[in-house]
Amino acid sequence: MNFFAAALLPILFVVPLFDILTYFGILPFVIRWIGKLLTFLTRAPKFESFFAIEMMFLGNTEALAVSKLQLMKMSKERVLTIGLMSMSCVTAALIAVYVKMMPAEYVVTAIPLNVINALLVSSLLHPVKVAPEEDTIATIHEGGGREPFFSYLAESIIGAGRLVLIICANVIAIVALLKCVDLLLGILHPSLSLELILGVVLFPFAWLLGFAPTEAFQIAQYMGTKFITNEFVVMLQIQDVVRTWPAHMQAVMTVFITSFANLGTIGIILGCFKGLVDGERNTIVARNVSYMILSGLLVSLLSAAICGLFVW
């Protein structure tokens, strides 16, 4: 839970700061022009392209929190695309921690790979055609009227605090639910757990990544543990031995676990959308949790596979 607290507290500072930039039109200007450049490179809509890069520096929670205005102006189908992308990021603030625990070259490689693959996988799982007239960047003063600055700032600060509380409640509920499932599985058999089950499911994919069966099963177990808990749990388990592994195993394992794709992140994302958007947009995200889980797994596997192709 300390990890989630560290991830959520910056919202209280980041959201008001970015809302100030939005109020004065600075953030919409940056999104519009950087989005145009990224759209030329990725062929994705302006905001989706910018959001992928934004997550890389801020993390999924903060990137969503500072995007409330845009999310409320977008169609619900595009909002779901943002939800799918949010499963596959890593914040720049944690890179220094990651590189102390894992091989630095593969940590750095994982970050742009996750950005590219998040755009690719989300477009494959949930293709949305965006007309040119819909590919716009929202501004706070659309339609006339201008709320006083300090009134707007106070609302932003209150909204940030409310958002943190909603996210915390969602995360606690999901972690408690997963713990109950683990306890029930333990009653059926002492060695049975969600991590073991997911490890078995992921074994064929680990084998396809180029490992012998015994190595593939070990890698799959680490993958399952990471997805059920978070990347730090696995990093703590392997940080003393990972650099003794063959280069291919180091590369695949490091790239796979360097992301926020885990079940706890589901709670964070659902909490974000609950606090940021209206009922219709929140409902479409909540109804597609299975797609979000699949998106996170596919992006992690695809990034690991691409890196593994070049490291043997």
Protein backbone atom coordinates (compact mmCIF):
# COMPACT_ATOMS: atom_id res chain seq x y z
CA MET A 1 0.00 0.00 0.00
CA ASN A 2 2.99 2.32 0.48
CA PHE A 3 3.57 2.06 -3.27
CA PHE A 4 0.03 3.23 -4.02
CA ALA A 5 0.31 6.07 -1.50
CA ALA A 6 3.51 7.26 -3.19
CA ALA A 7 1.76 7.06 -6.55
CA LEU A 8 -1.34 8.97 -5.45
CA LEU A 9 0.01 11.80 -3.31
CA PRO A 10 1.59 13.66 -6.28
CA ILE A 11 -1.95 14.13 -7.63
CA LEU A 12 -2.54 16.75 -4.94
CA PHE A 13 0.28 18.85 -6.44
CA VAL A 14 0.28 17.90 -10.11
CA VAL A 15 -3.43 18.43 -10.80
CA PRO A 16 -3.62 22.06 -9.58
CA LEU A 17 -0.37 22.88 -11.40
CA PHE A 18 -1.60 21.48 -14.72
CA ASP A 19 -5.03 23.02 -14.22
CA ILE A 20 -3.32 26.41 -13.92
CA LEU A 21 -1.54 25.72 -17.22
CA THR A 22 -4.90 24.75 -18.70
CA TYR A 23 -6.61 27.89 -17.39
CA PHE A 24 -4.09 30.12 -19.15
CA GLY A 25 -4.21 28.04 -22.34
CA ILE A 26 -0.63 26.79 -22.10
CA LEU A 27 -1.35 23.07 -21.79
CA PRO A 28 -3.92 22.98 -24.64
CA PHE A 29 -1.39 24.79 -26.84
CA VAL A 30 1.33 22.24 -26.01
CA ILE A 31 -1.01 19.29 -26.60
CA ARG A 32 -2.23 20.72 -29.91
CA TRP A 33 1.20 21.23 -31.47
CA ILE A 34 3.06 18.29 -29.99
CA GLY A 35 0.01 16.18 -30.81
CA LYS A 36 0.23 17.24 -34.45
CA LEU A 37 3.84 16.11 -34.63
CA LEU A 38 3.10 12.80 -32.90
CA THR A 39 0.05 12.22 -35.10
CA PHE A 40 2.29 12.54 -38.15
CA LEU A 41 4.55 9.83 -36.70
CA THR A 42 1.95 7.48 -35.18
CA ARG A 43 -1.19 8.18 -37.26
CA ALA A 44 -3.14 8.24 -33.99
CA PRO A 45 -5.37 11.20 -33.01
CA LYS A 46 -3.62 14.21 -31.47
CA PHE A 47 -4.68 13.72 -27.88
CA GLU A 48 -4.10 9.93 -27.81
CA SER A 49 -0.59 10.45 -29.22
CA PHE A 50 0.19 13.15 -26.67
CA PHE A 51 -1.32 11.12 -23.82
CA ALA A 52 1.02 8.20 -24.56
CA ILE A 53 4.04 10.47 -24.15
CA GLU A 54 2.48 12.27 -21.18
CA MET A 55 2.11 8.96 -19.30
CA MET A 56 5.80 8.28 -19.77
CA PHE A 57 6.69 11.37 -17.72
CA LEU A 58 3.77 11.68 -15.30
CA GLY A 59 2.46 8.13 -14.90
CA ASN A 60 -1.06 6.92 -15.66
CA THR A 61 -2.77 8.42 -12.60
CA GLU A 62 -1.39 11.93 -12.99
CA ALA A 63 -1.81 11.89 -16.79
CA LEU A 64 -5.48 10.98 -16.40
CA ALA A 65 -6.01 13.47 -13.58
CA VAL A 66 -4.70 16.42 -15.59
CA SER A 67 -6.75 15.39 -18.66
CA LYS A 68 -10.23 15.85 -17.16
CA LEU A 69 -11.21 18.66 -19.52
CA GLN A 70 -10.23 16.68 -22.62
CA LEU A 71 -11.83 13.44 -21.40
CA MET A 72 -15.16 15.20 -20.84
CA LYS A 73 -15.12 16.55 -24.41
CA MET A 74 -14.19 13.24 -26.07
CA SER A 75 -16.56 10.49 -27.17
CA LYS A 76 -16.98 7.55 -24.80
CA GLU A 77 -15.28 5.26 -27.34
CA ARG A 78 -12.14 7.40 -27.28
CA VAL A 79 -12.28 7.52 -23.47
CA LEU A 80 -12.15 3.71 -23.45
CA THR A 81 -9.06 3.87 -25.67
CA ILE A 82 -7.41 6.11 -23.07
CA GLY A 83 -8.36 3.56 -20.39
CA LEU A 84 -6.71 0.75 -22.36
CA MET A 85 -3.55 2.79 -22.85
CA SER A 86 -3.38 3.66 -19.15
CA MET A 87 -2.52 0.05 -18.25
CA SER A 88 0.85 0.15 -19.96
CA CYS A 89 2.97 3.02 -18.72
CA VAL A 90 5.75 3.77 -16.29
CA THR A 91 6.44 7.14 -14.73
CA ALA A 92 9.81 8.83 -15.22
CA ALA A 93 9.98 9.51 -11.47
CA LEU A 94 10.56 5.81 -10.79
CA ILE A 95 13.23 5.17 -13.41
CA ALA A 96 16.03 5.91 -10.94
CA VAL A 97 14.61 3.28 -8.58
CA TYR A 98 14.18 0.72 -11.35
CA VAL A 99 17.73 1.02 -12.68
CA LYS A 100 19.16 0.36 -9.21
CA MET A 101 17.29 -2.93 -9.03
CA MET A 102 17.35 -4.13 -12.65
CA PRO A 103 19.72 -3.83 -15.67
CA ALA A 104 19.52 -0.15 -16.62
CA GLU A 105 19.78 -0.62 -20.40
CA TYR A 106 16.65 -2.78 -20.50
CA VAL A 107 14.69 -0.51 -18.17
CA VAL A 108 15.35 2.43 -20.50
CA THR A 109 14.44 0.28 -23.52
CA ALA A 110 11.10 -0.71 -21.99
CA ILE A 111 9.82 2.86 -21.64
CA PRO A 112 9.50 3.88 -25.34
CA LEU A 113 8.48 0.33 -26.28
CA ASN A 114 5.54 0.51 -23.87
CA VAL A 115 4.46 3.86 -25.32
CA ILE A 116 4.49 2.59 -28.91
CA ASN A 117 2.86 -0.73 -28.08
CA ALA A 118 0.15 0.93 -25.94
CA LEU A 119 -0.92 2.89 -29.02
CA LEU A 120 -0.73 -0.22 -31.21
CA VAL A 121 -2.56 -2.62 -28.90
CA SER A 122 -5.31 -0.15 -27.98
CA SER A 123 -5.98 0.52 -31.67
CA LEU A 124 -6.19 -3.23 -32.35
CA LEU A 125 -8.42 -4.09 -29.38
CA HIS A 126 -10.65 -1.05 -29.72
CA PRO A 127 -10.33 0.62 -33.13
CA VAL A 128 -11.99 4.04 -33.22
CA LYS A 129 -12.22 6.25 -36.29
CA VAL A 130 -11.82 9.90 -35.39
CA ALA A 131 -13.00 12.45 -37.93
CA PRO A 132 -10.75 15.50 -38.46
CA GLU A 133 -13.39 17.81 -36.94
CA GLU A 134 -13.42 15.61 -33.79
CA ASP A 135 -9.64 15.54 -33.46
CA THR A 136 -9.52 18.77 -31.50
CA ILE A 137 -8.01 19.89 -28.20
CA ALA A 138 -10.45 21.24 -25.63
CA THR A 139 -9.88 24.56 -23.90
CA ILE A 140 -11.42 25.74 -20.68
CA HIS A 141 -12.93 28.93 -22.11
CA GLU A 142 -14.85 27.32 -24.99
CA GLY A 143 -18.32 28.78 -25.36
CA GLY A 144 -17.47 32.09 -23.69
CA GLY A 145 -17.40 33.01 -20.04
CA ARG A 146 -14.37 33.01 -17.81
CA GLU A 147 -14.47 31.70 -14.26
CA PRO A 148 -12.39 33.72 -11.79
CA PHE A 149 -8.93 32.24 -11.43
CA PHE A 150 -8.96 31.61 -7.67
CA SER A 151 -12.42 30.07 -7.82
CA TYR A 152 -11.16 27.73 -10.54
CA LEU A 153 -8.01 26.93 -8.52
CA ALA A 154 -10.00 26.15 -5.37
CA GLU A 155 -12.25 23.80 -7.33
CA SER A 156 -9.16 22.11 -8.78
CA ILE A 157 -7.62 21.53 -5.33
CA ILE A 158 -10.89 20.13 -3.94
CA GLY A 159 -11.27 17.92 -7.01
CA ALA A 160 -7.73 16.55 -6.59
CA GLY A 161 -8.40 15.62 -2.96
CA ARG A 162 -11.71 13.99 -3.88
CA LEU A 163 -10.01 12.04 -6.67
CA VAL A 164 -7.35 10.66 -4.30
CA LEU A 165 -10.04 9.43 -1.89
CA ILE A 166 -12.00 7.72 -4.68
CA ILE A 167 -8.88 6.02 -6.03
CA CYS A 168 -7.83 4.85 -2.54
CA ALA A 169 -11.27 3.31 -1.96
CA ASN A 170 -11.14 1.47 -5.30
CA VAL A 171 -7.62 0.17 -4.73
CA ILE A 172 -8.38 -1.05 -1.21
CA ALA A 173 -11.50 -2.84 -2.44
CA ILE A 174 -9.71 -4.60 -5.30
CA VAL A 175 -6.69 -5.59 -3.18
CA ALA A 176 -9.04 -6.97 -0.52
CA LEU A 177 -10.99 -8.90 -3.14
CA LEU A 178 -7.80 -10.43 -4.57
CA LYS A 179 -6.69 -11.40 -1.06
CA CYS A 180 -10.03 -13.12 -0.42
CA VAL A 181 -9.71 -15.07 -3.67
CA ASP A 182 -6.18 -16.12 -2.69
CA LEU A 183 -7.42 -17.32 0.72
CA LEU A 184 -10.21 -19.33 -0.89
CA LEU A 185 -7.75 -20.92 -3.31
CA GLY A 186 -5.46 -21.73 -0.38
CA ILE A 187 -8.33 -23.60 1.29
CA LEU A 188 -8.68 -25.77 -1.80
CA HIS A 189 -4.93 -26.50 -1.87
CA PRO A 190 -2.08 -24.92 0.16
CA SER A 191 0.09 -24.23 -2.90
CA LEU A 192 -2.72 -22.82 -5.04
CA SER A 193 -2.73 -19.04 -5.63
CA LEU A 194 -3.63 -16.45 -8.24
CA GLU A 195 0.06 -15.98 -9.04
CA LEU A 196 0.45 -19.72 -9.72
CA ILE A 197 -2.67 -19.87 -11.90
CA LEU A 198 -1.65 -16.87 -13.97
CA GLY A 199 1.88 -18.27 -14.22
CA VAL A 200 0.49 -21.46 -15.74
CA VAL A 201 -1.62 -19.43 -18.16
CA LEU A 202 1.42 -17.39 -19.21
CA PHE A 203 3.73 -20.41 -19.59
CA PRO A 204 3.05 -20.87 -23.37
CA PHE A 205 3.81 -17.19 -23.98
CA ALA A 206 7.03 -17.38 -21.97
CA TRP A 207 8.02 -20.47 -23.97
CA LEU A 208 7.33 -18.59 -27.22
CA LEU A 209 9.69 -15.86 -26.05
CA GLY A 210 12.56 -18.26 -26.62
CA PHE A 211 13.09 -20.09 -23.31
CA ALA A 212 13.55 -23.76 -22.53
CA PRO A 213 10.52 -25.25 -20.70
CA THR A 214 12.12 -25.04 -17.23
CA GLU A 215 13.21 -21.44 -17.77
CA ALA A 216 9.84 -20.57 -19.32
CA PHE A 217 7.96 -21.83 -16.26
CA GLN A 218 10.18 -19.78 -13.94
CA ILE A 219 9.72 -16.64 -16.05
CA ALA A 220 5.96 -17.25 -16.26
CA GLN A 221 5.73 -17.44 -12.45
CA TYR A 222 7.49 -14.10 -12.12
CA MET A 223 5.18 -12.65 -14.77
CA GLY A 224 2.13 -13.91 -12.88
CA THR A 225 3.39 -12.49 -9.59
CA LYS A 226 4.03 -9.11 -11.22
CA PHE A 227 0.55 -8.92 -12.72
CA ILE A 228 -1.21 -9.91 -9.51
CA THR A 229 0.90 -7.67 -7.24
CA ASN A 230 3.22 -5.09 -8.86
CA GLU A 231 6.66 -4.78 -10.44
CA PHE A 232 8.46 -3.96 -7.18
CA VAL A 233 7.53 -7.30 -5.62
CA VAL A 234 9.27 -9.15 -8.47
CA MET A 235 12.21 -6.75 -8.58
CA LEU A 236 12.87 -7.33 -4.89
CA GLN A 237 12.78 -11.09 -5.47
CA ILE A 238 15.26 -11.15 -8.34
CA GLN A 239 17.46 -8.05 -7.95
CA ASP A 240 20.33 -10.06 -6.43
CA VAL A 241 20.36 -12.72 -9.16
CA VAL A 242 19.00 -11.09 -12.31
CA ARG A 243 22.43 -9.91 -13.53
CA THR A 244 23.75 -13.49 -13.38
CA TRP A 245 21.08 -14.68 -15.82
CA PRO A 246 21.72 -15.05 -19.58
CA ALA A 247 21.33 -11.78 -21.48
CA HIS A 248 18.13 -12.88 -23.20
CA MET A 249 16.45 -13.76 -19.91
CA GLN A 250 17.58 -10.46 -18.36
CA ALA A 251 16.17 -8.47 -21.28
CA VAL A 252 12.79 -10.22 -21.46
CA MET A 253 12.19 -10.25 -17.72
CA THR A 254 13.25 -6.63 -17.16
CA VAL A 255 11.18 -5.23 -20.03
CA PHE A 256 8.10 -7.26 -19.05
CA ILE A 257 8.00 -6.08 -15.45
CA THR A 258 8.89 -2.43 -16.20
CA SER A 259 5.32 -1.14 -16.36
CA PHE A 260 2.28 -0.53 -14.16
CA ALA A 261 0.30 -3.37 -15.79
CA ASN A 262 -1.16 -5.16 -12.77
CA LEU A 263 -4.54 -5.73 -11.16
CA GLY A 264 -4.00 -2.98 -8.58
CA THR A 265 -3.70 -0.51 -11.45
CA ILE A 266 -7.23 -1.48 -12.49
CA GLY A 267 -8.47 -0.02 -9.21
CA ILE A 268 -6.49 3.17 -9.77
CA ILE A 269 -7.79 3.65 -13.32
CA LEU A 270 -11.41 2.93 -12.37
CA GLY A 271 -11.10 5.38 -9.48
CA CYS A 272 -9.67 8.02 -11.80
CA PHE A 273 -12.51 7.75 -14.30
CA LYS A 274 -15.11 7.65 -11.52
CA GLY A 275 -13.81 10.97 -10.23
CA LEU A 276 -13.14 12.62 -13.58
CA VAL A 277 -15.89 11.84 -16.09
CA ASP A 278 -19.65 11.46 -16.20
CA GLY A 279 -21.60 8.24 -15.69
CA GLU A 280 -21.77 7.26 -19.36
CA ARG A 281 -18.04 7.52 -19.93
CA ASN A 282 -17.24 5.87 -16.60
CA THR A 283 -19.60 2.97 -17.36
CA ILE A 284 -17.97 2.07 -20.68
CA VAL A 285 -14.56 1.88 -18.97
CA ALA A 286 -15.90 -0.18 -16.03
CA ARG A 287 -17.62 -2.62 -18.41
CA ASN A 288 -14.38 -3.31 -20.25
CA VAL A 289 -12.06 -4.25 -17.38
CA SER A 290 -11.28 -7.54 -19.15
CA TYR A 291 -10.07 -5.55 -22.18
CA MET A 292 -7.89 -3.43 -19.91
CA ILE A 293 -6.33 -6.55 -18.35
CA LEU A 294 -5.74 -8.01 -21.81
CA SER A 295 -4.25 -4.73 -23.04
CA GLY A 296 -1.77 -4.59 -20.16
CA LEU A 297 -0.65 -8.17 -20.70
CA LEU A 298 -0.33 -7.83 -24.47
CA VAL A 299 1.72 -4.64 -24.28
CA SER A 300 4.08 -6.16 -21.69
CA LEU A 301 4.49 -9.36 -23.72
CA LEU A 302 4.95 -7.48 -27.00
CA SER A 303 7.56 -5.14 -25.53
CA ALA A 304 9.44 -8.08 -24.01
CA ALA A 305 9.29 -10.00 -27.28
CA ILE A 306 10.61 -7.09 -29.36
CA CYS A 307 13.51 -6.50 -26.97
CA GLY A 308 14.21 -10.23 -26.75
CA LEU A 309 14.57 -10.48 -30.52
CA PHE A 310 17.74 -8.38 -30.37
CA VAL A 311 19.33 -9.76 -27.19
CA TRP A 312 20.69 -13.32 -27.05
